[in-house]
């Protein structure tokens, strides 16, 4: 849900949010963009954070 929400928020900021925000609202917009990137990153990390059993970091050769 975090990934989908982050993508939705990012899409709204790019395509739907008013582009004439000034001052504090502009900082809010940039903060929301960082939150959306964090939600996408965190969701992807949670989905793919499982380690491989028996896998080694050393390449046999």
PDB file of N, CA and C in Angstrom:
ATOM      1  N   UNK A   1       0.819  -1.190   0.000  1.00  0.00           N
ATOM      2  CA  UNK A   1       0.000   0.000   0.000  1.00  0.00           C
ATOM      3  C   UNK A   1       0.865   1.256   0.000  1.00  0.00           C
ATOM      4  N   UNK A   2       2.032   1.207   0.621  1.00  0.00           N
ATOM      5  CA  UNK A   2       2.908   2.362   0.660  1.00  0.00           C
ATOM      6  C   UNK A   2       3.442   2.730  -0.717  1.00  0.00           C
ATOM      7  N   UNK A   3       3.752   1.721  -1.518  1.00  0.00           N
ATOM      8  CA  UNK A   3       4.272   1.989  -2.852  1.00  0.00           C
ATOM      9  C   UNK A   3       3.199   2.639  -3.714  1.00  0.00           C
ATOM     10  N   UNK A   4       2.003   2.091  -3.664  1.00  0.00           N
ATOM     11  CA  UNK A   4       0.900   2.638  -4.468  1.00  0.00           C
ATOM     12  C   UNK A   4       0.551   4.051  -3.997  1.00  0.00           C
ATOM     13  N   UNK A   5       0.514   4.267  -2.702  1.00  0.00           N
ATOM     14  CA  UNK A   5       0.242   5.600  -2.174  1.00  0.00           C
ATOM     15  C   UNK A   5       1.326   6.598  -2.549  1.00  0.00           C
ATOM     16  N   UNK A   6       2.576   6.166  -2.492  1.00  0.00           N
ATOM     17  CA  UNK A   6       3.682   7.035  -2.873  1.00  0.00           C
ATOM     18  C   UNK A   6       3.646   7.399  -4.345  1.00  0.00           C
ATOM     19  N   UNK A   7       3.327   6.415  -5.190  1.00  0.00           N
ATOM     20  CA  UNK A   7       3.218   6.701  -6.621  1.00  0.00           C
ATOM     21  C   UNK A   7       2.044   7.621  -6.896  1.00  0.00           C
ATOM     22  N   UNK A   8       0.930   7.399  -6.194  1.00  0.00           N
ATOM     23  CA  UNK A   8      -0.231   8.274  -6.368  1.00  0.00           C
ATOM     24  C   UNK A   8       0.066   9.703  -5.943  1.00  0.00           C
ATOM     25  N   UNK A   9       0.737   9.869  -4.815  1.00  0.00           N
ATOM     26  CA  UNK A   9       1.095  11.203  -4.346  1.00  0.00           C
ATOM     27  C   UNK A   9       2.068  11.881  -5.304  1.00  0.00           C
ATOM     28  N   UNK A  10       3.046  11.131  -5.784  1.00  0.00           N
ATOM     29  CA  UNK A  10       4.003  11.703  -6.732  1.00  0.00           C
ATOM     30  C   UNK A  10       3.316  12.107  -8.033  1.00  0.00           C
ATOM     31  N   UNK A  11       2.394  11.269  -8.511  1.00  0.00           N
ATOM     32  CA  UNK A  11       1.667  11.605  -9.735  1.00  0.00           C
ATOM     33  C   UNK A  11       0.811  12.852  -9.530  1.00  0.00           C
ATOM     34  N   UNK A  12       0.181  12.977  -8.364  1.00  0.00           N
ATOM     35  CA  UNK A  12      -0.628  14.171  -8.103  1.00  0.00           C
ATOM     36  C   UNK A  12       0.257  15.413  -8.045  1.00  0.00           C
ATOM     37  N   UNK A  13       1.426  15.293  -7.422  1.00  0.00           N
ATOM     38  CA  UNK A  13       2.320  16.451  -7.340  1.00  0.00           C
ATOM     39  C   UNK A  13       2.808  16.881  -8.717  1.00  0.00           C
ATOM     40  N   UNK A  14       3.042  15.921  -9.609  1.00  0.00           N
ATOM     41  CA  UNK A  14       3.547  16.257 -10.936  1.00  0.00           C
ATOM     42  C   UNK A  14       2.437  16.761 -11.847  1.00  0.00           C
ATOM     43  N   UNK A  15       1.284  16.074 -11.836  1.00  0.00           N
ATOM     44  CA  UNK A  15       0.250  16.375 -12.821  1.00  0.00           C
ATOM     45  C   UNK A  15      -0.932  17.169 -12.280  1.00  0.00           C
ATOM     46  N   UNK A  16      -1.215  17.091 -10.971  1.00  0.00           N
ATOM     47  CA  UNK A  16      -2.443  17.675 -10.482  1.00  0.00           C
ATOM     48  C   UNK A  16      -2.299  18.833  -9.512  1.00  0.00           C
ATOM     49  N   UNK A  17      -1.193  18.917  -8.842  1.00  0.00           N
ATOM     50  CA  UNK A  17      -1.025  19.967  -7.829  1.00  0.00           C
ATOM     51  C   UNK A  17      -0.859  21.322  -8.508  1.00  0.00           C
ATOM     52  N   UNK A  18      -1.314  22.394  -7.875  1.00  0.00           N
ATOM     53  CA  UNK A  18      -1.104  23.725  -8.439  1.00  0.00           C
ATOM     54  C   UNK A  18       0.394  24.050  -8.530  1.00  0.00           C
ATOM     55  N   UNK A  19       0.833  24.502  -9.677  1.00  0.00           N
ATOM     56  CA  UNK A  19       2.251  24.785  -9.888  1.00  0.00           C
ATOM     57  C   UNK A  19       2.626  26.216  -9.506  1.00  0.00           C
ATOM     58  N   UNK A  20       1.664  27.004  -9.026  1.00  0.00           N
ATOM     59  CA  UNK A  20       1.966  28.381  -8.661  1.00  0.00           C
ATOM     60  C   UNK A  20       2.089  28.570  -7.152  1.00  0.00           C
ATOM     61  N   UNK A  21       2.383  27.489  -6.411  1.00  0.00           N
ATOM     62  CA  UNK A  21       2.562  27.611  -4.976  1.00  0.00           C
ATOM     63  C   UNK A  21       3.846  28.379  -4.707  1.00  0.00           C
ATOM     64  N   UNK A  22       3.783  29.344  -3.791  1.00  0.00           N
ATOM     65  CA  UNK A  22       4.950  30.149  -3.429  1.00  0.00           C
ATOM     66  C   UNK A  22       5.188  30.075  -1.933  1.00  0.00           C
ATOM     67  N   UNK A  23       6.392  30.433  -1.528  1.00  0.00           N
ATOM     68  CA  UNK A  23       6.726  30.519  -0.111  1.00  0.00           C
ATOM     69  C   UNK A  23       6.670  29.175   0.597  1.00  0.00           C
ATOM     70  N   UNK A  24       5.932  29.167   1.707  1.00  0.00           N
ATOM     71  CA  UNK A  24       5.829  27.961   2.528  1.00  0.00           C
ATOM     72  C   UNK A  24       5.136  26.811   1.818  1.00  0.00           C
ATOM     73  N   UNK A  25       4.194  27.123   0.939  1.00  0.00           N
ATOM     74  CA  UNK A  25       3.503  26.054   0.209  1.00  0.00           C
ATOM     75  C   UNK A  25       4.450  25.351  -0.757  1.00  0.00           C
ATOM     76  N   UNK A  26       5.423  26.096  -1.279  1.00  0.00           N
ATOM     77  CA  UNK A  26       6.400  25.468  -2.159  1.00  0.00           C
ATOM     78  C   UNK A  26       7.270  24.493  -1.372  1.00  0.00           C
ATOM     79  N   UNK A  27       7.643  24.881  -0.155  1.00  0.00           N
ATOM     80  CA  UNK A  27       8.407  23.969   0.704  1.00  0.00           C
ATOM     81  C   UNK A  27       7.581  22.738   1.071  1.00  0.00           C
ATOM     82  N   UNK A  28       6.280  22.954   1.297  1.00  0.00           N
ATOM     83  CA  UNK A  28       5.395  21.821   1.582  1.00  0.00           C
ATOM     84  C   UNK A  28       5.348  20.862   0.406  1.00  0.00           C
ATOM     85  N   UNK A  29       5.292  21.407  -0.790  1.00  0.00           N
ATOM     86  CA  UNK A  29       5.254  20.564  -1.981  1.00  0.00           C
ATOM     87  C   UNK A  29       6.528  19.728  -2.102  1.00  0.00           C
ATOM     88  N   UNK A  30       7.676  20.351  -1.847  1.00  0.00           N
ATOM     89  CA  UNK A  30       8.937  19.603  -1.909  1.00  0.00           C
ATOM     90  C   UNK A  30       9.006  18.557  -0.795  1.00  0.00           C
ATOM     91  N   UNK A  31       8.479  18.889   0.368  1.00  0.00           N
ATOM     92  CA  UNK A  31       8.416  17.913   1.448  1.00  0.00           C
ATOM     93  C   UNK A  31       7.534  16.732   1.098  1.00  0.00           C
ATOM     94  N   UNK A  32       6.391  17.004   0.473  1.00  0.00           N
ATOM     95  CA  UNK A  32       5.512  15.914   0.038  1.00  0.00           C
ATOM     96  C   UNK A  32       6.188  15.040  -1.017  1.00  0.00           C
ATOM     97  N   UNK A  33       6.975  15.648  -1.883  1.00  0.00           N
ATOM     98  CA  UNK A  33       7.703  14.866  -2.880  1.00  0.00           C
ATOM     99  C   UNK A  33       8.701  13.929  -2.203  1.00  0.00           C
ATOM    100  N   UNK A  34       9.394  14.426  -1.175  1.00  0.00           N
ATOM    101  CA  UNK A  34      10.327  13.567  -0.447  1.00  0.00           C
ATOM    102  C   UNK A  34       9.606  12.450   0.299  1.00  0.00           C
ATOM    103  N   UNK A  35       8.428  12.766   0.852  1.00  0.00           N
ATOM    104  CA  UNK A  35       7.631  11.740   1.539  1.00  0.00           C
ATOM    105  C   UNK A  35       7.194  10.669   0.552  1.00  0.00           C
ATOM    106  N   UNK A  36       6.778  11.061  -0.646  1.00  0.00           N
ATOM    107  CA  UNK A  36       6.348  10.068  -1.632  1.00  0.00           C
ATOM    108  C   UNK A  36       7.512   9.173  -2.052  1.00  0.00           C
ATOM    109  N   UNK A  37       8.706   9.758  -2.227  1.00  0.00           N
ATOM    110  CA  UNK A  37       9.861   8.933  -2.563  1.00  0.00           C
ATOM    111  C   UNK A  37      10.226   7.991  -1.422  1.00  0.00           C
ATOM    112  N   UNK A  38      10.103   8.476  -0.189  1.00  0.00           N
ATOM    113  CA  UNK A  38      10.367   7.617   0.963  1.00  0.00           C
ATOM    114  C   UNK A  38       9.374   6.478   1.078  1.00  0.00           C
ATOM    115  N   UNK A  39       8.104   6.746   0.769  1.00  0.00           N
ATOM    116  CA  UNK A  39       7.085   5.697   0.819  1.00  0.00           C
ATOM    117  C   UNK A  39       7.348   4.639  -0.241  1.00  0.00           C
ATOM    118  N   UNK A  40       7.741   5.068  -1.431  1.00  0.00           N
ATOM    119  CA  UNK A  40       8.056   4.110  -2.495  1.00  0.00           C
ATOM    120  C   UNK A  40       9.279   3.290  -2.106  1.00  0.00           C
ATOM    121  N   UNK A  41      10.309   3.937  -1.615  1.00  0.00           N
ATOM    122  CA  UNK A  41      11.530   3.246  -1.216  1.00  0.00           C
ATOM    123  C   UNK A  41      11.267   2.284  -0.056  1.00  0.00           C
ATOM    124  N   UNK A  42      10.542   2.745   0.948  1.00  0.00           N
ATOM    125  CA  UNK A  42      10.252   1.890   2.099  1.00  0.00           C
ATOM    126  C   UNK A  42       9.391   0.696   1.744  1.00  0.00           C
ATOM    127  N   UNK A  43       8.408   0.905   0.899  1.00  0.00           N
ATOM    128  CA  UNK A  43       7.562  -0.210   0.477  1.00  0.00           C
ATOM    129  C   UNK A  43       8.328  -1.240  -0.326  1.00  0.00           C
ATOM    130  N   UNK A  44       9.191  -0.762  -1.222  1.00  0.00           N
ATOM    131  CA  UNK A  44      10.008  -1.693  -2.004  1.00  0.00           C
ATOM    132  C   UNK A  44      10.981  -2.441  -1.101  1.00  0.00           C
ATOM    133  N   UNK A  45      11.540  -1.749  -0.103  1.00  0.00           N
ATOM    134  CA  UNK A  45      12.451  -2.419   0.816  1.00  0.00           C
ATOM    135  C   UNK A  45      11.722  -3.494   1.613  1.00  0.00           C
ATOM    136  N   UNK A  46      10.502  -3.207   2.046  1.00  0.00           N
ATOM    137  CA  UNK A  46       9.743  -4.205   2.794  1.00  0.00           C
ATOM    138  C   UNK A  46       9.379  -5.410   1.928  1.00  0.00           C
ATOM    139  N   UNK A  47       9.088  -5.183   0.661  1.00  0.00           N
ATOM    140  CA  UNK A  47       8.725  -6.294  -0.220  1.00  0.00           C
ATOM    141  C   UNK A  47       9.914  -7.182  -0.548  1.00  0.00           C
ATOM    142  N   UNK A  48      11.087  -6.591  -0.724  1.00  0.00           N
ATOM    143  CA  UNK A  48      12.234  -7.342  -1.213  1.00  0.00           C
ATOM    144  C   UNK A  48      13.358  -7.445  -0.193  1.00  0.00           C
ATOM    145  N   UNK A  49      13.058  -7.320   1.106  1.00  0.00           N
ATOM    146  CA  UNK A  49      14.114  -7.348   2.113  1.00  0.00           C
ATOM    147  C   UNK A  49      14.482  -8.748   2.571  1.00  0.00           C
ATOM    148  N   UNK A  50      13.765  -9.757   2.162  1.00  0.00           N
ATOM    149  CA  UNK A  50      14.050 -11.130   2.599  1.00  0.00           C
ATOM    150  C   UNK A  50      15.382 -11.604   2.082  1.00  0.00           C
ATOM    151  N   UNK A  51      16.168 -12.195   2.966  1.00  0.00           N
ATOM    152  CA  UNK A  51      17.460 -12.714   2.556  1.00  0.00           C
ATOM    153  C   UNK A  51      17.317 -14.110   1.952  1.00  0.00           C
ATOM    154  N   UNK A  52      18.327 -14.527   1.236  1.00  0.00           N
ATOM    155  CA  UNK A  52      18.329 -15.850   0.655  1.00  0.00           C
ATOM    156  C   UNK A  52      18.993 -16.807   1.620  1.00  0.00           C
ATOM    157  N   UNK A  53      18.341 -17.913   1.910  1.00  0.00           N
ATOM    158  CA  UNK A  53      18.912 -18.909   2.826  1.00  0.00           C
ATOM    159  C   UNK A  53      20.015 -19.682   2.099  1.00  0.00           C
ATOM    160  N   UNK A  54      21.142 -19.797   2.744  1.00  0.00           N
ATOM    161  CA  UNK A  54      22.258 -20.555   2.182  1.00  0.00           C
ATOM    162  C   UNK A  54      23.063 -19.782   1.154  1.00  0.00           C
ATOM    163  N   UNK A  55      22.707 -18.555   0.896  1.00  0.00           N
ATOM    164  CA  UNK A  55      23.459 -17.764  -0.088  1.00  0.00           C
ATOM    165  C   UNK A  55      24.690 -17.161   0.575  1.00  0.00           C
ATOM    166  N   UNK A  56      25.720 -17.042  -0.173  1.00  0.00           N
ATOM    167  CA  UNK A  56      26.960 -16.485   0.345  1.00  0.00           C
ATOM    168  C   UNK A  56      27.346 -15.259  -0.474  1.00  0.00           C
ATOM    169  N   UNK A  57      28.048 -14.337   0.167  1.00  0.00           N
ATOM    170  CA  UNK A  57      28.489 -13.136  -0.514  1.00  0.00           C
ATOM    171  C   UNK A  57      29.754 -13.380  -1.351  1.00  0.00           C
ATOM    172  N   UNK A  58      30.401 -14.505  -1.157  1.00  0.00           N
ATOM    173  CA  UNK A  58      31.652 -14.815  -1.851  1.00  0.00           C
ATOM    174  C   UNK A  58      31.330 -15.595  -3.120  1.00  0.00           C
ATOM    175  N   UNK A  59      31.910 -15.142  -4.215  1.00  0.00           N
ATOM    176  CA  UNK A  59      31.732 -15.835  -5.483  1.00  0.00           C
ATOM    177  C   UNK A  59      32.750 -16.973  -5.572  1.00  0.00           C
ATOM    178  N   UNK A  60      32.235 -18.172  -5.810  1.00  0.00           N
ATOM    179  CA  UNK A  60      33.126 -19.322  -5.926  1.00  0.00           C
ATOM    180  C   UNK A  60      33.762 -19.309  -7.323  1.00  0.00           C
ATOM    181  N   UNK A  61      35.028 -19.500  -7.358  1.00  0.00           N
ATOM    182  CA  UNK A  61      35.621 -19.452  -8.687  1.00  0.00           C
ATOM    183  C   UNK A  61      36.885 -20.103  -8.801  1.00  0.00           C
TER     184      UNK A  61
END
